[in-house]
Amino acid sequence: MKTGIITGCSRGIGFAIANLLTENLNYKIIGTSTSGNSPITKSNFEVLQLNLSESDSIDDFIKKIKNTKIDFLINNAGILLENWNDASINIEQLKQTFNVNLFGTIELTEKLIPNFKKEGQIVNITSDWGSFSEKNFDEFQPHYKMSKAALNMYTKLLAKRLEKQQIIVSALDPGWTQTDMGGNEASRKPNDVAKDVRDLITNNSKSGYFWHQGNIREW
């Protein structure tokens, strides 16, 4: 049985990933949400409370899972606070965004590294908006874009650092997806992204790359 942790499982992409993977009884999924709740009630799924913006909450989560050995970590939880047409920098929103999307995600990941089995995988859900190769680049959503760009760099650095431990580290661009963040007009559904993640953790043997719909894309 493979054991994995997926952050942000109460809705959207995180819910879809956890729901898809738990269809296979060979997976045991530990999900997280800020409330400690999730609609998933399957026997091979449990949800624990986790607020990535609080170090105490991260420490409590680590204590609860104790020495559980994990095969993969999907860093999915993230926030976007600014309006879609807002290009201004709000320092408070910038700090809040980085606390969840970057600092909390890094802190959780670093504290979980001792729990990984050999040839484990870490997948950071980032974004086309965090890339420097975005085709339709504009000045909007600056806090979110900067946080995801920094998470992409962490992905590359961590992949290089964990080479000797044979832990594969990847970033995944889900594309424009129908979530609370992406809206109903988005071209992809959460289950489409869930399948991408499933395929990545099942078949990937290349560390330090940025993926989109099964293909390596430019940073």
Protein backbone atom coordinates (compact mmCIF):
# COMPACT_ATOMS: atom_id res chain seq x y z
CA MET A 1 0.00 0.00 0.00
CA LYS A 2 1.20 3.52 -0.85
CA THR A 3 0.66 6.32 1.62
CA GLY A 4 0.41 9.94 0.54
CA ILE A 5 -0.37 13.37 1.96
CA ILE A 6 -2.44 15.87 -0.01
CA THR A 7 -2.95 19.40 1.31
CA GLY A 8 -6.17 21.32 0.73
CA CYS A 9 -8.61 18.41 0.33
CA SER A 10 -11.89 20.08 1.22
CA ARG A 11 -12.65 21.27 -2.33
CA GLY A 12 -11.29 21.90 -5.81
CA ILE A 13 -8.17 20.20 -7.12
CA GLY A 14 -7.12 18.76 -3.76
CA PHE A 15 -10.51 17.14 -3.26
CA ALA A 16 -10.43 15.73 -6.80
CA ILE A 17 -6.92 14.25 -6.34
CA ALA A 18 -7.79 12.62 -3.02
CA ASN A 19 -11.14 11.34 -4.30
CA LEU A 20 -9.54 9.80 -7.42
CA LEU A 21 -6.61 8.16 -5.64
CA THR A 22 -8.78 6.64 -2.90
CA GLU A 23 -10.76 4.76 -5.57
CA ASN A 24 -7.71 2.48 -5.51
CA LEU A 25 -7.59 0.62 -2.19
CA ASN A 26 -3.82 0.30 -2.59
CA TYR A 27 -3.61 3.98 -1.62
CA LYS A 28 -3.91 5.40 1.88
CA ILE A 29 -4.43 9.16 1.76
CA ILE A 30 -3.95 11.64 4.58
CA GLY A 31 -5.64 14.86 3.54
CA THR A 32 -5.55 18.28 5.14
CA SER A 33 -7.88 21.24 5.35
CA THR A 34 -7.96 24.37 7.47
CA SER A 35 -11.20 23.19 9.09
CA GLY A 36 -10.13 19.58 9.54
CA ASN A 37 -13.08 18.46 7.40
CA SER A 38 -13.50 16.99 3.93
CA PRO A 39 -16.52 15.53 2.05
CA ILE A 40 -14.56 12.31 1.43
CA THR A 41 -15.61 9.49 3.78
CA LYS A 42 -13.75 6.50 2.35
CA SER A 43 -12.03 4.00 4.64
CA ASN A 44 -8.60 4.63 3.10
CA PHE A 45 -8.83 8.40 3.68
CA GLU A 46 -8.46 10.55 6.75
CA VAL A 47 -8.39 14.32 7.03
CA LEU A 48 -6.44 16.34 9.57
CA GLN A 49 -6.58 20.03 10.39
CA LEU A 50 -3.72 22.10 8.98
CA ASN A 51 -3.29 25.85 8.58
CA LEU A 52 -0.14 26.44 6.54
CA SER A 53 0.12 30.04 7.72
CA GLU A 54 0.76 28.92 11.32
CA SER A 55 3.91 27.06 12.40
CA ASP A 56 2.11 25.67 15.46
CA SER A 57 -0.50 24.08 13.20
CA ILE A 58 2.20 22.52 11.03
CA ASP A 59 3.92 21.16 14.14
CA ASP A 60 0.63 19.71 15.41
CA PHE A 61 0.11 17.96 12.07
CA ILE A 62 3.62 16.48 12.17
CA LYS A 63 2.99 15.19 15.70
CA LYS A 64 -0.27 13.56 14.66
CA ILE A 65 1.24 11.57 11.81
CA LYS A 66 4.28 10.73 13.97
CA ASN A 67 6.67 8.41 12.10
CA THR A 68 4.24 7.46 9.33
CA LYS A 69 6.25 6.57 6.24
CA ILE A 70 4.98 8.28 3.10
CA ASP A 71 5.42 7.63 -0.60
CA PHE A 72 4.32 11.04 -1.83
CA LEU A 73 3.36 14.57 -0.82
CA ILE A 74 1.10 16.71 -3.00
CA ASN A 75 1.45 20.36 -1.99
CA ASN A 76 -1.85 21.58 -3.37
CA ALA A 77 -3.19 24.08 -0.79
CA GLY A 78 -2.93 27.69 -1.85
CA ILE A 79 -4.69 31.04 -1.77
CA LEU A 80 -5.32 33.94 -4.14
CA LEU A 81 -6.52 37.05 -2.31
CA GLU A 82 -6.41 39.87 -4.86
CA ASN A 83 -9.09 40.77 -7.40
CA TRP A 84 -8.58 39.51 -10.94
CA ASN A 85 -8.00 43.00 -12.35
CA ASP A 86 -5.81 44.23 -9.50
CA ALA A 87 -2.17 45.01 -10.30
CA SER A 88 -1.30 46.92 -7.12
CA ILE A 89 0.85 45.58 -4.32
CA ASN A 90 -0.88 45.23 -0.97
CA ILE A 91 1.83 44.32 1.53
CA GLU A 92 -0.56 42.61 3.94
CA GLN A 93 -2.03 40.45 1.16
CA LEU A 94 1.48 39.72 -0.13
CA LYS A 95 2.56 38.48 3.30
CA GLN A 96 -0.60 36.36 3.74
CA THR A 97 -0.17 34.82 0.29
CA PHE A 98 3.50 33.96 0.84
CA ASN A 99 2.74 32.56 4.30
CA VAL A 100 0.49 29.89 2.76
CA ASN A 101 1.70 29.40 -0.81
CA LEU A 102 5.41 29.48 -0.03
CA PHE A 103 6.59 29.65 3.58
CA GLY A 104 4.02 27.23 5.01
CA THR A 105 4.41 24.85 2.09
CA ILE A 106 8.20 24.85 2.49
CA GLU A 107 8.00 24.41 6.28
CA LEU A 108 5.64 21.43 5.96
CA THR A 109 7.76 19.83 3.23
CA GLU A 110 11.02 20.23 5.14
CA LYS A 111 9.53 18.72 8.29
CA LEU A 112 8.17 15.74 6.32
CA ILE A 113 11.41 14.84 4.53
CA PRO A 114 12.45 12.33 7.26
CA ASN A 115 9.14 10.49 6.71
CA PHE A 116 9.75 9.71 3.05
CA LYS A 117 10.36 6.21 1.77
CA LYS A 118 13.08 5.62 -0.79
CA GLU A 119 12.06 6.87 -4.24
CA GLY A 120 9.27 8.98 -2.77
CA GLN A 121 7.77 11.91 -4.66
CA ILE A 122 6.99 15.53 -3.88
CA VAL A 123 4.66 17.38 -6.26
CA ASN A 124 4.19 21.11 -5.86
CA ILE A 125 1.05 22.41 -7.55
CA THR A 126 2.22 25.72 -8.93
CA SER A 127 0.88 27.63 -11.93
CA ASP A 128 1.50 28.97 -15.40
CA TRP A 129 1.15 32.32 -13.64
CA GLY A 130 4.32 31.52 -11.70
CA SER A 131 6.35 30.85 -14.84
CA PHE A 132 8.62 33.20 -16.74
CA SER A 133 7.48 31.65 -20.02
CA GLU A 134 3.78 32.55 -19.65
CA LYS A 135 2.48 33.48 -23.11
CA ASN A 136 -0.24 35.84 -21.95
CA PHE A 137 1.73 37.63 -19.25
CA ASP A 138 0.11 40.66 -17.63
CA GLU A 139 0.54 42.73 -14.49
CA PHE A 140 -2.43 41.36 -12.54
CA GLN A 141 -2.53 38.99 -9.50
CA PRO A 142 1.03 39.97 -8.46
CA HIS A 143 1.01 38.38 -5.00
CA TYR A 144 -0.12 34.99 -6.26
CA LYS A 145 2.24 35.03 -9.25
CA MET A 146 5.29 35.90 -7.16
CA SER A 147 4.48 33.19 -4.60
CA LYS A 148 4.21 30.52 -7.30
CA ALA A 149 7.38 31.69 -9.05
CA ALA A 150 9.24 31.30 -5.75
CA LEU A 151 7.67 27.86 -5.23
CA ASN A 152 8.96 26.84 -8.66
CA MET A 153 12.49 27.80 -7.62
CA TYR A 154 12.11 25.84 -4.36
CA THR A 155 11.08 22.85 -6.47
CA LYS A 156 14.30 23.01 -8.50
CA LEU A 157 16.49 23.55 -5.44
CA LEU A 158 14.86 20.73 -3.48
CA ALA A 159 15.11 18.33 -6.41
CA LYS A 160 18.85 18.93 -6.59
CA ARG A 161 19.27 18.58 -2.81
CA LEU A 162 17.33 15.31 -2.60
CA GLU A 163 19.02 13.56 -5.55
CA LYS A 164 21.08 11.28 -3.29
CA GLN A 165 17.97 10.30 -1.32
CA GLN A 166 16.28 9.36 -4.62
CA ILE A 167 13.26 11.53 -3.87
CA ILE A 168 11.67 12.92 -7.03
CA VAL A 169 10.54 16.53 -6.80
CA SER A 170 8.28 18.09 -9.43
CA ALA A 171 6.20 21.19 -10.08
CA LEU A 172 2.86 20.83 -11.85
CA ASP A 173 0.98 23.51 -13.77
CA PRO A 174 -2.68 22.41 -13.68
CA GLY A 175 -3.80 24.94 -16.26
CA TRP A 176 -6.96 27.03 -16.03
CA THR A 177 -9.22 24.89 -13.86
CA GLN A 178 -12.85 25.13 -12.69
CA THR A 179 -12.34 25.90 -9.01
CA ASP A 180 -13.30 28.71 -6.65
CA MET A 181 -10.10 30.39 -7.82
CA GLY A 182 -10.38 29.63 -11.54
CA GLY A 183 -14.12 30.13 -12.00
CA ASN A 184 -16.72 28.14 -13.93
CA GLU A 185 -15.55 29.27 -17.37
CA ALA A 186 -12.17 27.55 -17.03
CA SER A 187 -11.23 25.01 -19.68
CA ARG A 188 -10.20 22.16 -17.35
CA LYS A 189 -12.04 20.30 -14.61
CA PRO A 190 -10.48 19.35 -11.27
CA ASN A 191 -10.67 15.66 -12.17
CA ASP A 192 -8.56 16.32 -15.28
CA VAL A 193 -5.81 17.67 -13.03
CA ALA A 194 -6.28 14.78 -10.61
CA LYS A 195 -5.55 12.35 -13.44
CA ASP A 196 -2.41 14.34 -14.33
CA VAL A 197 -1.21 14.04 -10.73
CA ARG A 198 -2.01 10.33 -10.59
CA ASP A 199 -0.08 9.71 -13.79
CA LEU A 200 2.84 11.79 -12.53
CA ILE A 201 3.26 9.94 -9.23
CA THR A 202 2.76 6.61 -11.00
CA ASN A 203 5.11 7.02 -13.96
CA ASN A 204 7.53 9.87 -13.25
CA SER A 205 11.21 9.12 -12.86
CA LYS A 206 12.57 12.59 -13.73
CA SER A 207 13.23 14.99 -10.89
CA GLY A 208 13.39 18.77 -11.05
CA TYR A 209 10.96 19.45 -13.89
CA PHE A 210 7.82 21.53 -14.47
CA TRP A 211 4.91 19.48 -15.85
CA HIS A 212 1.69 20.33 -17.67
CA GLN A 213 -0.79 17.72 -18.95
CA GLY A 214 1.81 14.99 -19.00
CA ASN A 215 4.53 17.01 -20.73
CA ILE A 216 7.58 18.86 -19.45
CA ARG A 217 7.08 22.58 -19.94
CA GLU A 218 9.38 25.59 -19.68
CA TRP A 219 9.90 27.34 -16.37
